């Protein structure tokens, strides 16, 4: 574990095994092609926790992992990496999995997320926050928290209703365009930063945007305290009460896009905790970290 006196960032949401297939050539529906298939730890909350630890920022997972061999192997690997798994809820169900097919440029062709155990466990994963394990029972958690959209709507609503993180620095991330609408529950009565890509912003706002700047401003108008919108190789934007800033990522050759948003968020949150950089510098560091990630050869 990292010998850092700072409290961990609580990463709340999915922790599972990623099964990623990378095709050897462009694909269309029905194709059967050669490629590479690999398994690695995954899930939005888990990916962010790993990225934080790699940047020497302590991180603790609040999630559900099965009491099976896959779950044991996942926990063992995370502990080896340095992620605090002391507060993980283990249940007698299979460990969750995520299956994705990536094209030749690393863009996801299609994916299925099986988060059945996380959905089933519900807000029980928050017990360590509510029973005093993570903080004195007379006080709420006041550190940094990252909440991913794989949590059920009822769990997201429970967090707001129970005021679990009213004193915390909260970041929300939808996990995927298909789960973006769940963030509407998180936006109600909860101050925090919403991290989305432009597609997810369009789903939330029920509108089409030309740029990430337009999208971030629309999200703030919708109720976000602060909104950060990424758009792949195009400029990313941040909007808050002080206005909007935009940063253009470096041009790179992408080999994988899976997890790039998680690296962006982890870099952003970690920099806010440990550095004195201005917000535009933090955005610059985040887009550069994501660019480095998509260039990685994961074969």
Protein backbone atom coordinates (compact mmCIF):
# COMPACT_ATOMS: atom_id res chain seq x y z
CA UNK A 1 0.00 0.00 0.00
CA UNK A 2 1.05 3.61 -0.58
CA UNK A 3 2.62 5.17 2.53
CA UNK A 4 0.76 8.44 2.09
CA UNK A 5 -0.96 10.10 5.08
CA UNK A 6 -3.68 11.61 2.90
CA UNK A 7 -7.15 10.04 3.13
CA UNK A 8 -8.04 7.87 0.15
CA UNK A 9 -10.29 8.97 -2.66
CA UNK A 10 -13.43 6.84 -2.38
CA UNK A 11 -14.15 5.25 -5.76
CA UNK A 12 -17.74 4.00 -5.70
CA UNK A 13 -19.19 1.83 -8.46
CA UNK A 14 -18.14 -1.01 -10.71
CA UNK A 15 -15.18 -3.35 -10.21
CA UNK A 16 -15.03 -6.34 -12.52
CA UNK A 17 -13.04 -8.18 -15.15
CA UNK A 18 -12.70 -6.56 -18.56
CA UNK A 19 -12.64 -8.96 -21.50
CA UNK A 20 -11.38 -6.90 -24.43
CA UNK A 21 -11.18 -8.20 -28.00
CA UNK A 22 -9.13 -6.15 -30.44
CA UNK A 23 -9.88 -6.87 -34.11
CA UNK A 24 -7.15 -7.13 -36.74
CA UNK A 25 -9.14 -5.16 -39.32
CA UNK A 26 -12.21 -2.90 -39.58
CA UNK A 27 -15.45 -4.65 -38.73
CA UNK A 28 -19.12 -4.55 -39.60
CA UNK A 29 -21.99 -6.46 -37.92
CA UNK A 30 -21.76 -10.19 -38.49
CA UNK A 31 -18.01 -10.23 -39.20
CA UNK A 32 -15.81 -13.03 -37.85
CA UNK A 33 -12.20 -11.78 -37.78
CA UNK A 34 -8.85 -12.58 -36.22
CA UNK A 35 -7.64 -10.52 -33.30
CA UNK A 36 -6.40 -10.52 -29.71
CA UNK A 37 -8.54 -11.27 -26.63
CA UNK A 38 -7.28 -10.35 -23.17
CA UNK A 39 -8.59 -10.11 -19.61
CA UNK A 40 -7.71 -7.35 -17.17
CA UNK A 41 -9.20 -5.60 -14.12
CA UNK A 42 -11.89 -3.14 -15.18
CA UNK A 43 -14.97 -1.19 -14.25
CA UNK A 44 -15.13 2.59 -14.02
CA UNK A 45 -14.59 2.96 -10.26
CA UNK A 46 -11.82 0.35 -10.34
CA UNK A 47 -10.06 1.91 -13.36
CA UNK A 48 -10.09 5.30 -11.67
CA UNK A 49 -8.79 3.82 -8.40
CA UNK A 50 -5.88 2.19 -10.23
CA UNK A 51 -5.10 5.39 -12.13
CA UNK A 52 -5.09 7.36 -8.88
CA UNK A 53 -2.75 4.89 -7.16
CA UNK A 54 -0.42 5.01 -10.16
CA UNK A 55 -0.24 8.76 -9.52
CA UNK A 56 0.57 8.12 -5.84
CA UNK A 57 -2.88 9.20 -4.67
CA UNK A 58 -4.43 6.68 -2.21
CA UNK A 59 -7.73 5.22 -3.38
CA UNK A 60 -10.29 2.93 -1.74
CA UNK A 61 -12.98 0.94 -3.53
CA UNK A 62 -16.61 0.75 -2.45
CA UNK A 63 -18.13 -1.90 -4.67
CA UNK A 64 -19.49 -5.43 -4.84
CA UNK A 65 -17.31 -8.39 -5.83
CA UNK A 66 -18.40 -12.01 -5.90
CA UNK A 67 -17.24 -14.66 -3.43
CA UNK A 68 -15.86 -16.77 -6.26
CA UNK A 69 -12.45 -17.59 -7.72
CA UNK A 70 -12.71 -14.68 -10.17
CA UNK A 71 -13.47 -12.33 -7.29
CA UNK A 72 -10.56 -13.62 -5.21
CA UNK A 73 -8.20 -13.18 -8.16
CA UNK A 74 -9.48 -9.64 -8.77
CA UNK A 75 -9.03 -8.63 -5.12
CA UNK A 76 -5.53 -10.14 -5.03
CA UNK A 77 -4.48 -8.20 -8.13
CA UNK A 78 -5.90 -4.92 -6.84
CA UNK A 79 -4.19 -5.28 -3.47
CA UNK A 80 -0.92 -5.98 -5.29
CA UNK A 81 -1.40 -2.76 -7.29
CA UNK A 82 -2.08 -0.81 -4.10
CA UNK A 83 -5.84 -0.20 -4.22
CA UNK A 84 -7.48 -0.34 -0.78
CA UNK A 85 -10.07 -3.13 -0.93
CA UNK A 86 -10.81 -3.16 2.82
CA UNK A 87 -14.33 -1.84 2.28
CA UNK A 88 -15.39 -4.00 -0.69
CA UNK A 89 -18.66 -5.89 -0.18
CA UNK A 90 -18.33 -9.58 -1.08
CA UNK A 91 -21.52 -11.42 -2.04
CA UNK A 92 -22.38 -14.99 -3.05
CA UNK A 93 -22.93 -14.13 -6.70
CA UNK A 94 -20.61 -14.32 -9.72
CA UNK A 95 -18.12 -11.48 -10.10
CA UNK A 96 -19.23 -8.95 -12.72
CA UNK A 97 -17.73 -8.80 -16.21
CA UNK A 98 -17.46 -6.34 -19.10
CA UNK A 99 -17.08 -7.56 -22.68
CA UNK A 100 -15.99 -5.21 -25.45
CA UNK A 101 -14.84 -5.44 -29.07
CA UNK A 102 -12.46 -2.73 -30.25
CA UNK A 103 -11.74 -1.83 -33.86
CA UNK A 104 -8.31 -1.28 -35.35
CA UNK A 105 -8.05 2.29 -33.99
CA UNK A 106 -9.08 1.20 -30.50
CA UNK A 107 -12.63 2.55 -30.84
CA UNK A 108 -15.25 0.37 -29.15
CA UNK A 109 -17.33 -1.42 -31.79
CA UNK A 110 -19.74 -2.84 -29.21
CA UNK A 111 -19.81 -3.75 -25.53
CA UNK A 112 -21.90 -5.42 -22.84
CA UNK A 113 -21.55 -4.62 -19.13
CA UNK A 114 -22.77 -7.31 -16.73
CA UNK A 115 -23.04 -5.46 -13.41
CA UNK A 116 -25.66 -7.77 -11.92
CA UNK A 117 -23.98 -8.14 -8.54
CA UNK A 118 -23.48 -4.38 -8.16
CA UNK A 119 -27.13 -3.76 -9.02
CA UNK A 120 -28.24 -6.50 -6.62
CA UNK A 121 -26.14 -5.25 -3.71
CA UNK A 122 -27.55 -1.73 -4.02
CA UNK A 123 -26.59 0.84 -1.41
CA UNK A 124 -25.22 -1.82 0.95
CA UNK A 125 -21.85 -0.99 -0.60
CA UNK A 126 -22.15 2.34 1.26
CA UNK A 127 -22.26 0.67 4.70
CA UNK A 128 -18.61 1.56 5.48
CA UNK A 129 -19.53 5.24 5.06
CA UNK A 130 -22.72 5.00 7.07
CA UNK A 131 -21.58 2.77 9.94
CA UNK A 132 -18.48 4.75 10.85
CA UNK A 133 -15.82 2.45 9.36
CA UNK A 134 -14.55 5.18 7.06
CA UNK A 135 -15.33 8.17 9.25
CA UNK A 136 -16.57 8.89 12.73
CA UNK A 137 -20.27 8.01 12.82
CA UNK A 138 -21.03 11.54 14.05
CA UNK A 139 -19.52 13.12 10.95
CA UNK A 140 -19.93 12.70 7.21
CA UNK A 141 -17.09 11.84 4.86
CA UNK A 142 -15.33 15.06 3.86
CA UNK A 143 -12.67 13.78 1.48
CA UNK A 144 -12.89 13.21 -2.26
CA UNK A 145 -15.46 10.84 -3.74
CA UNK A 146 -15.94 9.52 -7.27
CA UNK A 147 -19.31 7.97 -8.10
CA UNK A 148 -19.87 6.04 -11.32
CA UNK A 149 -23.11 5.56 -13.20
CA UNK A 150 -23.10 1.79 -12.89
CA UNK A 151 -24.82 2.35 -9.55
CA UNK A 152 -28.57 1.91 -9.74
CA UNK A 153 -30.83 4.96 -9.77
CA UNK A 154 -32.15 3.93 -6.34
CA UNK A 155 -28.60 3.91 -4.94
CA UNK A 156 -27.82 7.30 -6.47
CA UNK A 157 -31.03 8.69 -5.01
CA UNK A 158 -30.20 7.12 -1.65
CA UNK A 159 -26.86 8.95 -1.58
CA UNK A 160 -28.65 12.27 -2.05
CA UNK A 161 -31.45 11.49 0.41
CA UNK A 162 -29.01 10.34 3.11
CA UNK A 163 -26.68 13.32 2.58
CA UNK A 164 -23.75 10.89 2.61
CA UNK A 165 -21.37 13.23 0.81
CA UNK A 166 -22.69 16.72 1.45
CA UNK A 167 -19.33 17.62 3.01
CA UNK A 168 -17.24 15.85 0.36
CA UNK A 169 -15.66 16.81 -2.95
CA UNK A 170 -17.79 14.70 -5.30
CA UNK A 171 -17.22 13.74 -8.93
CA UNK A 172 -19.82 11.93 -11.03
CA UNK A 173 -19.12 9.89 -14.17
CA UNK A 174 -21.89 8.12 -16.15
CA UNK A 175 -19.82 5.01 -17.11
CA UNK A 176 -21.34 4.83 -20.61
CA UNK A 177 -23.78 6.70 -22.87
CA UNK A 178 -26.42 4.06 -22.08
CA UNK A 179 -26.29 4.99 -18.40
CA UNK A 180 -25.93 8.75 -18.76
CA UNK A 181 -29.55 9.38 -17.75
CA UNK A 182 -28.84 7.93 -14.30
CA UNK A 183 -26.79 11.05 -13.60
CA UNK A 184 -29.97 13.11 -13.48
CA UNK A 185 -30.65 11.50 -10.10
CA UNK A 186 -27.14 12.44 -8.97
CA UNK A 187 -27.53 16.07 -10.05
CA UNK A 188 -30.54 16.64 -7.83
CA UNK A 189 -29.49 18.43 -4.66
CA UNK A 190 -25.85 17.29 -4.90
CA UNK A 191 -22.97 19.67 -5.54
CA UNK A 192 -20.12 18.16 -7.47
CA UNK A 193 -18.34 17.87 -10.79
CA UNK A 194 -19.96 15.97 -13.64
CA UNK A 195 -17.50 14.29 -16.03
CA UNK A 196 -19.05 13.19 -19.34
CA UNK A 197 -18.21 12.89 -23.01
CA UNK A 198 -20.15 14.92 -25.57
CA UNK A 199 -22.46 12.04 -26.49
CA UNK A 200 -23.43 11.57 -22.84
CA UNK A 201 -24.01 15.31 -22.48
CA UNK A 202 -26.35 15.22 -25.48
CA UNK A 203 -28.33 12.38 -23.88
CA UNK A 204 -28.61 14.22 -20.57
CA UNK A 205 -29.62 17.52 -22.18
CA UNK A 206 -31.73 15.95 -24.97
CA UNK A 207 -29.92 18.17 -27.45
CA UNK A 208 -27.18 18.12 -30.07
CA UNK A 209 -24.01 20.13 -29.55
CA UNK A 210 -21.33 21.24 -31.98
CA UNK A 211 -18.65 21.53 -29.32
CA UNK A 212 -17.79 20.44 -25.80
CA UNK A 213 -18.06 24.08 -24.73
CA UNK A 214 -21.73 24.19 -25.69
CA UNK A 215 -22.29 20.85 -23.95
CA UNK A 216 -20.61 21.87 -20.69
CA UNK A 217 -22.59 25.13 -20.51
CA UNK A 218 -25.84 23.27 -21.13
CA UNK A 219 -25.07 20.81 -18.32
CA UNK A 220 -24.48 23.66 -15.89
CA UNK A 221 -27.78 25.16 -16.96
CA UNK A 222 -29.35 21.75 -16.28
CA UNK A 223 -28.11 21.79 -12.69
CA UNK A 224 -24.50 20.63 -12.63
CA UNK A 225 -22.36 22.57 -10.16
CA UNK A 226 -19.39 22.06 -12.50
CA UNK A 227 -19.29 20.16 -15.80
CA UNK A 228 -16.31 18.72 -17.67
CA UNK A 229 -16.98 17.44 -21.20
CA UNK A 230 -14.53 15.48 -23.34
CA UNK A 231 -14.87 14.83 -27.07
CA UNK A 232 -12.21 12.33 -28.12
CA UNK A 233 -9.48 14.09 -30.15
CA UNK A 234 -11.49 17.32 -30.16
CA UNK A 235 -11.27 20.05 -27.47
CA UNK A 236 -12.45 19.28 -23.92
CA UNK A 237 -14.24 21.93 -21.86
CA UNK A 238 -14.96 22.84 -18.26
CA UNK A 239 -17.84 25.06 -17.19
CA UNK A 240 -18.50 26.48 -13.71
CA UNK A 241 -19.76 29.69 -12.15
CA UNK A 242 -16.62 31.48 -13.34
CA UNK A 243 -17.18 30.69 -17.00
CA UNK A 244 -15.87 28.12 -19.48
CA UNK A 245 -12.40 27.02 -20.53
CA UNK A 246 -11.37 24.72 -23.36
CA UNK A 247 -8.25 22.60 -23.92
CA UNK A 248 -7.27 20.77 -27.12
CA UNK A 249 -5.72 17.28 -26.74
CA UNK A 250 -2.47 16.48 -28.56
CA UNK A 251 -2.83 14.61 -31.86
CA UNK A 252 -1.93 10.96 -31.34
CA UNK A 253 -2.40 7.58 -33.00
CA UNK A 254 -4.99 5.76 -30.89
CA UNK A 255 -4.55 2.07 -30.15
CA UNK A 256 -7.22 1.74 -27.45
CA UNK A 257 -9.88 4.11 -26.14
CA UNK A 258 -11.16 1.86 -23.34
CA UNK A 259 -10.45 3.55 -20.00
CA UNK A 260 -9.23 6.85 -21.46
CA UNK A 261 -11.99 8.82 -19.74
CA UNK A 262 -11.16 7.16 -16.42
CA UNK A 263 -7.49 8.21 -16.76
CA UNK A 264 -8.61 11.76 -17.59
CA UNK A 265 -10.79 11.92 -14.47
CA UNK A 266 -8.18 10.37 -12.17
CA UNK A 267 -5.54 12.81 -13.37
CA UNK A 268 -7.91 15.75 -12.89
CA UNK A 269 -9.03 14.73 -9.39
CA UNK A 270 -5.54 13.78 -8.27
CA UNK A 271 -4.12 17.11 -9.44
CA UNK A 272 -6.80 19.06 -7.60
CA UNK A 273 -5.94 17.22 -4.38
CA UNK A 274 -2.16 17.33 -4.48
CA UNK A 275 -1.13 20.29 -6.65
CA UNK A 276 -1.50 24.06 -6.77
CA UNK A 277 -2.09 24.11 -10.52
CA UNK A 278 -4.73 26.39 -11.99
CA UNK A 279 -7.80 24.68 -13.43
CA UNK A 280 -6.67 25.22 -17.03
CA UNK A 281 -3.35 23.54 -16.19
CA UNK A 282 -5.21 20.65 -14.60
CA UNK A 283 -7.31 20.26 -17.74
CA UNK A 284 -4.12 20.27 -19.82
CA UNK A 285 -2.59 17.55 -17.64
CA UNK A 286 -5.77 15.46 -17.87
CA UNK A 287 -6.03 15.56 -21.68
CA UNK A 288 -2.33 14.74 -21.99
CA UNK A 289 -2.69 11.74 -19.64
CA UNK A 290 -5.67 10.46 -21.65
CA UNK A 291 -3.69 10.88 -24.88
CA UNK A 292 -0.81 8.88 -23.42
CA UNK A 293 -3.27 6.16 -22.43
CA UNK A 294 -4.85 5.73 -25.89
CA UNK A 295 -1.40 5.33 -27.43
CA UNK A 296 -0.59 2.32 -25.25
CA UNK A 297 -0.10 -0.98 -27.04
CA UNK A 298 -2.25 -3.37 -25.00
CA UNK A 299 -1.60 -6.47 -27.11
